[in-house]
Amino acid sequence: MTTTNAITVGATDIEDQRASFSNYGKCVDLFAPGVDFPSLWMGGDFAVNTISGTSMSCPHVSGAAVIARSNDPTLEAAEVKAKILKDATPDVVKNPGPESPNLMLYIP
């Protein structure tokens, strides 16, 4: 089963280079930062670890979806996705990979 409303995200580093571990190709809708993020971690109330992954990119896109929906609560899922893709910055991802959209998340 597929859903056309899902937003699939690849990861980039601080220089907008596609991360070596990131997916690419037609399965990716856009890219978002995903390398070297400090994150809360297990081991104590103040434990932090610097981690990388599309699991770091996804919260950026989720946040963009929340902002889009809060700015216009009438938006349906497909419209939120369309807005995020429309707002994305084109042609800044270095080496996005074959058949990948060269779109970087941008939250206006």
N, C-alpha and C. Protein backbone atom coordinates (compact mmCIF):
# COMPACT_ATOMS: atom_id res chain seq x y z
N MET A 1 0.84 -1.18 0.00
CA MET A 1 0.00 0.00 0.00
C MET A 1 0.88 1.24 0.00
N THR A 2 0.53 2.22 -0.78
CA THR A 2 1.25 3.49 -0.81
C THR A 2 0.32 4.63 -0.46
N THR A 3 0.94 5.67 0.00
CA THR A 3 0.18 6.89 0.24
C THR A 3 0.86 8.04 -0.48
N THR A 4 0.09 8.78 -1.21
CA THR A 4 0.66 9.92 -1.95
C THR A 4 0.85 11.12 -1.04
N ASN A 5 0.27 11.08 0.16
CA ASN A 5 0.40 12.21 1.08
C ASN A 5 1.65 12.16 1.94
N ALA A 6 2.35 11.03 1.95
CA ALA A 6 3.59 10.92 2.72
C ALA A 6 4.65 11.84 2.12
N ILE A 7 5.47 12.42 2.98
CA ILE A 7 6.58 13.25 2.53
C ILE A 7 7.85 12.47 2.86
N THR A 8 8.59 12.10 1.83
CA THR A 8 9.82 11.33 2.04
C THR A 8 11.01 12.29 1.99
N VAL A 9 11.94 12.09 2.89
CA VAL A 9 13.02 13.07 3.06
C VAL A 9 14.38 12.39 3.06
N GLY A 10 15.32 13.03 2.37
CA GLY A 10 16.72 12.63 2.41
C GLY A 10 17.47 13.60 3.32
N ALA A 11 18.69 13.24 3.67
CA ALA A 11 19.48 14.04 4.62
C ALA A 11 20.64 14.74 3.94
N THR A 12 20.94 15.94 4.45
CA THR A 12 22.11 16.70 3.99
C THR A 12 22.94 17.11 5.20
N ASP A 13 24.19 17.51 4.90
CA ASP A 13 25.05 18.01 5.96
C ASP A 13 25.02 19.54 5.98
N ILE A 14 25.88 20.14 6.79
CA ILE A 14 25.87 21.59 6.99
C ILE A 14 26.23 22.36 5.71
N GLU A 15 26.86 21.68 4.76
CA GLU A 15 27.22 22.32 3.49
C GLU A 15 26.26 21.94 2.36
N ASP A 16 25.10 21.41 2.71
CA ASP A 16 24.06 21.02 1.75
C ASP A 16 24.47 19.87 0.84
N GLN A 17 25.43 19.08 1.28
CA GLN A 17 25.85 17.87 0.57
C GLN A 17 24.95 16.72 1.01
N ARG A 18 24.44 15.93 0.05
CA ARG A 18 23.66 14.76 0.44
C ARG A 18 24.52 13.87 1.32
N ALA A 19 23.98 13.45 2.43
CA ALA A 19 24.69 12.59 3.36
C ALA A 19 24.93 11.23 2.71
N SER A 20 26.08 10.65 3.02
CA SER A 20 26.45 9.36 2.40
C SER A 20 25.43 8.26 2.71
N PHE A 21 24.75 8.35 3.83
CA PHE A 21 23.80 7.31 4.25
C PHE A 21 22.39 7.56 3.73
N SER A 22 22.16 8.70 3.11
CA SER A 22 20.81 9.11 2.74
C SER A 22 20.29 8.37 1.51
N ASN A 23 19.00 8.08 1.52
CA ASN A 23 18.35 7.62 0.31
C ASN A 23 18.40 8.71 -0.74
N TYR A 24 18.20 8.32 -1.97
CA TYR A 24 18.12 9.27 -3.07
C TYR A 24 17.29 8.63 -4.17
N GLY A 25 16.97 9.41 -5.17
CA GLY A 25 16.20 8.90 -6.30
C GLY A 25 14.74 9.31 -6.23
N LYS A 26 13.93 8.63 -7.03
CA LYS A 26 12.51 8.95 -7.14
C LYS A 26 11.76 8.77 -5.82
N CYS A 27 12.32 8.00 -4.89
CA CYS A 27 11.63 7.74 -3.62
C CYS A 27 11.73 8.92 -2.66
N VAL A 28 12.54 9.94 -2.99
CA VAL A 28 12.74 11.09 -2.11
C VAL A 28 11.95 12.29 -2.66
N ASP A 29 11.24 12.99 -1.77
CA ASP A 29 10.51 14.20 -2.16
C ASP A 29 11.37 15.45 -2.03
N LEU A 30 12.17 15.52 -0.97
CA LEU A 30 13.04 16.66 -0.73
C LEU A 30 14.08 16.29 0.30
N PHE A 31 15.02 17.19 0.53
CA PHE A 31 16.10 16.99 1.49
C PHE A 31 15.96 17.98 2.64
N ALA A 32 16.51 17.60 3.79
CA ALA A 32 16.54 18.46 4.97
C ALA A 32 17.80 18.13 5.77
N PRO A 33 18.25 19.05 6.62
CA PRO A 33 19.45 18.79 7.43
C PRO A 33 19.30 17.51 8.25
N GLY A 34 20.40 16.73 8.31
CA GLY A 34 20.33 15.49 9.05
C GLY A 34 21.66 14.96 9.56
N VAL A 35 22.68 15.81 9.60
CA VAL A 35 24.01 15.35 10.02
C VAL A 35 24.48 16.14 11.23
N ASP A 36 24.96 15.43 12.24
CA ASP A 36 25.58 16.02 13.44
C ASP A 36 24.64 16.90 14.25
N PHE A 37 23.51 16.32 14.65
CA PHE A 37 22.57 17.05 15.49
C PHE A 37 22.66 16.60 16.94
N PRO A 38 22.84 17.56 17.86
CA PRO A 38 22.77 17.19 19.28
C PRO A 38 21.33 16.81 19.62
N SER A 39 21.18 15.71 20.31
CA SER A 39 19.86 15.23 20.66
C SER A 39 19.88 14.69 22.09
N LEU A 40 18.76 14.81 22.76
CA LEU A 40 18.65 14.19 24.08
C LEU A 40 18.96 12.71 23.95
N TRP A 41 19.50 12.14 25.01
CA TRP A 41 19.95 10.76 24.93
C TRP A 41 19.69 10.05 26.24
N MET A 42 19.79 8.75 26.21
CA MET A 42 19.60 7.97 27.44
C MET A 42 20.84 8.10 28.32
N GLY A 43 20.66 7.87 29.59
CA GLY A 43 21.80 7.89 30.49
C GLY A 43 21.76 8.99 31.53
N GLY A 44 20.72 9.78 31.54
CA GLY A 44 20.61 10.83 32.54
C GLY A 44 19.70 11.94 32.07
N ASP A 45 19.32 12.77 33.02
CA ASP A 45 18.39 13.85 32.72
C ASP A 45 18.95 14.87 31.73
N PHE A 46 20.28 14.98 31.66
CA PHE A 46 20.90 15.97 30.80
C PHE A 46 21.80 15.34 29.75
N ALA A 47 21.63 14.05 29.50
CA ALA A 47 22.46 13.34 28.53
C ALA A 47 22.15 13.81 27.11
N VAL A 48 23.20 14.03 26.34
CA VAL A 48 23.08 14.48 24.96
C VAL A 48 24.04 13.65 24.11
N ASN A 49 23.64 13.37 22.91
CA ASN A 49 24.50 12.69 21.95
C ASN A 49 24.35 13.38 20.61
N THR A 50 25.43 13.48 19.84
CA THR A 50 25.36 14.05 18.51
C THR A 50 25.16 12.90 17.53
N ILE A 51 24.05 12.94 16.81
CA ILE A 51 23.70 11.84 15.91
C ILE A 51 23.33 12.36 14.53
N SER A 52 23.34 11.45 13.57
CA SER A 52 23.01 11.77 12.19
C SER A 52 22.04 10.74 11.65
N GLY A 53 21.24 11.15 10.70
CA GLY A 53 20.33 10.22 10.04
C GLY A 53 19.13 10.94 9.46
N THR A 54 18.42 10.25 8.61
CA THR A 54 17.17 10.83 8.12
C THR A 54 16.19 10.97 9.28
N SER A 55 16.46 10.26 10.37
CA SER A 55 15.64 10.42 11.58
C SER A 55 15.86 11.80 12.20
N MET A 56 16.90 12.50 11.81
CA MET A 56 17.12 13.88 12.22
C MET A 56 16.50 14.84 11.19
N SER A 57 16.42 14.41 9.95
CA SER A 57 15.81 15.23 8.89
C SER A 57 14.29 15.27 9.00
N CYS A 58 13.71 14.15 9.35
CA CYS A 58 12.24 14.05 9.41
C CYS A 58 11.59 15.05 10.37
N PRO A 59 12.17 15.30 11.56
CA PRO A 59 11.53 16.28 12.44
C PRO A 59 11.51 17.70 11.84
N HIS A 60 12.49 18.02 11.01
CA HIS A 60 12.47 19.32 10.34
C HIS A 60 11.23 19.42 9.44
N VAL A 61 11.00 18.37 8.66
CA VAL A 61 9.86 18.36 7.75
C VAL A 61 8.54 18.30 8.53
N SER A 62 8.52 17.54 9.60
CA SER A 62 7.31 17.49 10.45
C SER A 62 7.00 18.87 11.02
N GLY A 63 8.04 19.57 11.44
CA GLY A 63 7.86 20.93 11.95
C GLY A 63 7.31 21.86 10.88
N ALA A 64 7.82 21.72 9.67
CA ALA A 64 7.30 22.54 8.56
C ALA A 64 5.82 22.25 8.32
N ALA A 65 5.45 20.98 8.43
CA ALA A 65 4.03 20.61 8.25
C ALA A 65 3.16 21.22 9.33
N VAL A 66 3.64 21.19 10.56
CA VAL A 66 2.89 21.77 11.68
C VAL A 66 2.72 23.28 11.48
N ILE A 67 3.79 23.95 11.07
CA ILE A 67 3.72 25.39 10.84
C ILE A 67 2.75 25.70 9.71
N ALA A 68 2.84 24.95 8.61
CA ALA A 68 1.92 25.18 7.48
C ALA A 68 0.48 25.01 7.91
N ARG A 69 0.22 23.95 8.66
CA ARG A 69 -1.16 23.68 9.09
C ARG A 69 -1.63 24.70 10.12
N SER A 70 -0.74 25.16 11.00
CA SER A 70 -1.16 26.15 12.00
C SER A 70 -1.43 27.50 11.34
N ASN A 71 -0.72 27.80 10.25
CA ASN A 71 -0.98 29.04 9.52
C ASN A 71 -2.27 28.98 8.72
N ASP A 72 -2.69 27.77 8.34
CA ASP A 72 -3.93 27.59 7.60
C ASP A 72 -4.54 26.24 8.00
N PRO A 73 -5.35 26.24 9.06
CA PRO A 73 -5.93 24.99 9.56
C PRO A 73 -6.85 24.27 8.57
N THR A 74 -7.21 24.91 7.47
CA THR A 74 -8.08 24.26 6.48
C THR A 74 -7.30 23.36 5.53
N LEU A 75 -5.97 23.41 5.56
CA LEU A 75 -5.18 22.60 4.64
C LEU A 75 -5.35 21.11 4.91
N GLU A 76 -5.57 20.36 3.86
CA GLU A 76 -5.60 18.89 3.93
C GLU A 76 -4.17 18.38 3.76
N ALA A 77 -3.96 17.10 4.03
CA ALA A 77 -2.62 16.52 3.98
C ALA A 77 -1.93 16.75 2.63
N ALA A 78 -2.64 16.53 1.55
CA ALA A 78 -2.05 16.72 0.21
C ALA A 78 -1.65 18.18 -0.01
N GLU A 79 -2.43 19.09 0.54
CA GLU A 79 -2.12 20.52 0.39
C GLU A 79 -0.91 20.91 1.24
N VAL A 80 -0.76 20.31 2.40
CA VAL A 80 0.42 20.56 3.24
C VAL A 80 1.66 20.09 2.50
N LYS A 81 1.61 18.89 1.95
CA LYS A 81 2.74 18.37 1.18
C LYS A 81 3.06 19.28 0.00
N ALA A 82 2.05 19.69 -0.74
CA ALA A 82 2.26 20.56 -1.90
C ALA A 82 2.90 21.88 -1.48
N LYS A 83 2.48 22.45 -0.36
CA LYS A 83 3.05 23.70 0.12
C LYS A 83 4.52 23.53 0.49
N ILE A 84 4.83 22.45 1.20
CA ILE A 84 6.22 22.20 1.59
C ILE A 84 7.11 22.06 0.36
N LEU A 85 6.63 21.34 -0.64
CA LEU A 85 7.42 21.16 -1.87
C LEU A 85 7.52 22.45 -2.66
N LYS A 86 6.46 23.23 -2.67
CA LYS A 86 6.47 24.52 -3.38
C LYS A 86 7.43 25.50 -2.71
N ASP A 87 7.49 25.49 -1.38
CA ASP A 87 8.35 26.42 -0.64
C ASP A 87 9.82 26.00 -0.64
N ALA A 88 10.11 24.75 -0.98
CA ALA A 88 11.48 24.24 -0.94
C ALA A 88 12.38 25.02 -1.90
N THR A 89 13.64 25.14 -1.53
CA THR A 89 14.62 25.84 -2.36
C THR A 89 15.20 24.86 -3.37
N PRO A 90 15.11 25.20 -4.67
CA PRO A 90 15.64 24.28 -5.69
C PRO A 90 17.14 24.46 -5.91
N ASP A 91 17.77 23.38 -6.36
CA ASP A 91 19.14 23.41 -6.89
C ASP A 91 20.22 23.84 -5.90
N VAL A 92 20.08 23.50 -4.63
CA VAL A 92 21.15 23.80 -3.66
C VAL A 92 21.79 22.53 -3.07
N VAL A 93 21.14 21.38 -3.24
CA VAL A 93 21.70 20.14 -2.70
C VAL A 93 22.84 19.69 -3.60
N LYS A 94 24.01 19.52 -3.00
CA LYS A 94 25.17 19.06 -3.76
C LYS A 94 25.09 17.54 -3.87
N ASN A 95 25.18 17.04 -5.09
CA ASN A 95 25.11 15.61 -5.38
C ASN A 95 23.86 14.96 -4.78
N PRO A 96 22.68 15.41 -5.21
CA PRO A 96 21.46 14.82 -4.65
C PRO A 96 21.27 13.35 -5.02
N GLY A 97 21.99 12.88 -6.03
CA GLY A 97 21.87 11.50 -6.46
C GLY A 97 20.98 11.40 -7.68
N PRO A 98 21.19 10.34 -8.46
CA PRO A 98 20.41 10.17 -9.69
C PRO A 98 18.91 10.14 -9.44
N GLU A 99 18.20 10.87 -10.26
CA GLU A 99 16.73 10.93 -10.25
C GLU A 99 16.14 11.54 -8.98
N SER A 100 16.97 12.19 -8.17
CA SER A 100 16.47 12.86 -6.96
C SER A 100 15.99 14.26 -7.30
N PRO A 101 14.95 14.72 -6.62
CA PRO A 101 14.60 16.13 -6.77
C PRO A 101 15.65 16.95 -6.02
N ASN A 102 16.13 18.00 -6.63
CA ASN A 102 17.11 18.85 -5.94
C ASN A 102 16.34 19.95 -5.23
N LEU A 103 15.71 19.56 -4.13
CA LEU A 103 14.90 20.48 -3.32
C LEU A 103 15.35 20.40 -1.87
N MET A 104 15.60 21.57 -1.28
CA MET A 104 15.98 21.65 0.14
C MET A 104 14.83 22.28 0.90
N LEU A 105 14.47 21.67 2.00
CA LEU A 105 13.41 22.20 2.85
C LEU A 105 13.66 23.67 3.15
N TYR A 106 12.62 24.47 3.01
CA TYR A 106 12.67 25.88 3.40
C TYR A 106 11.34 26.20 4.07
N ILE A 107 11.43 26.81 5.24
CA ILE A 107 10.22 27.18 5.98
C ILE A 107 10.15 28.70 5.98
N PRO A 108 9.21 29.25 5.18
CA PRO A 108 9.13 30.73 5.11
C PRO A 108 8.56 31.33 6.39
